[in-house]
Each structure stands twice: as C-alpha cells, then as structure tokens.
Protein backbone atom coordinates (compact mmCIF):
# COMPACT_ATOMS: atom_id res chain seq x y z
CA MET A 1 -25.48 5.93 27.66
CA SER A 2 -24.91 3.10 30.27
CA SER A 3 -24.60 3.90 34.21
CA ASN A 4 -21.63 2.44 36.56
CA TYR A 5 -23.70 3.12 39.27
CA THR A 6 -26.75 0.02 40.51
CA LYS A 7 -29.82 1.16 41.44
CA PRO A 8 -29.70 1.33 45.27
CA GLU A 9 -26.54 3.36 44.89
CA LEU A 10 -28.73 5.76 43.25
CA GLU A 11 -31.12 6.10 45.23
CA GLU A 12 -28.97 6.27 48.18
CA ALA A 13 -27.08 8.93 46.25
CA TYR A 14 -30.19 11.30 45.97
CA ARG A 15 -31.98 10.58 49.06
CA VAL A 16 -28.47 12.41 50.86
CA LEU A 17 -28.96 14.74 47.97
CA MET A 18 -32.32 15.47 49.68
CA SER A 19 -31.56 15.55 52.79
CA THR A 20 -28.46 18.06 52.63
CA LEU A 21 -30.80 20.48 51.03
CA ARG A 22 -33.83 20.08 53.19
CA LYS A 23 -30.89 21.05 55.98
CA CYS A 24 -30.14 24.45 53.57
CA GLU A 25 -33.11 25.28 53.17
CA LYS A 26 -34.06 25.15 57.52
CA THR A 27 -30.71 26.97 57.46
CA GLN A 28 -30.62 30.35 55.11
CA GLU A 29 -34.21 30.35 57.37
CA SER A 30 -32.54 31.56 60.39
CA PRO A 31 -31.48 34.83 61.87
CA ASN A 32 -28.41 34.19 63.32
CA LEU A 33 -26.05 33.95 59.92
CA GLY A 34 -24.01 35.70 58.38
CA ALA A 35 -22.98 37.57 55.24
CA SER A 36 -20.57 34.94 54.34
CA GLN A 37 -22.18 32.02 55.28
CA ARG A 38 -25.39 33.05 53.90
CA THR A 39 -23.16 34.04 50.18
CA LEU A 40 -22.13 29.79 50.55
CA LEU A 41 -25.55 29.14 51.05
CA ALA A 42 -26.30 30.76 47.84
C-alpha cells in the first residue's frame, strides 16, 4: 500500500496531532470545564 503523502507532510500532521493531544490533556485538568466540555474531550 503506497501513501499519497510525503514524509514531511506526515511529520507535520504528526506534530499537529501531538500538539492537539497535549492541549486536550492540559484542558482536562481545568476545574472550570462544564459537563458538555468534559464530554467533548472524552
């Protein structure tokens, strides 16, 4: 199976996804989240 994406494109996508994951994890620690935000994060 061949990919239609270049290695730099995949590396950038990985970097963006990891950044988003870290932000979500940090946000989960916030005591100011309402129930709907916690559900969306889950």
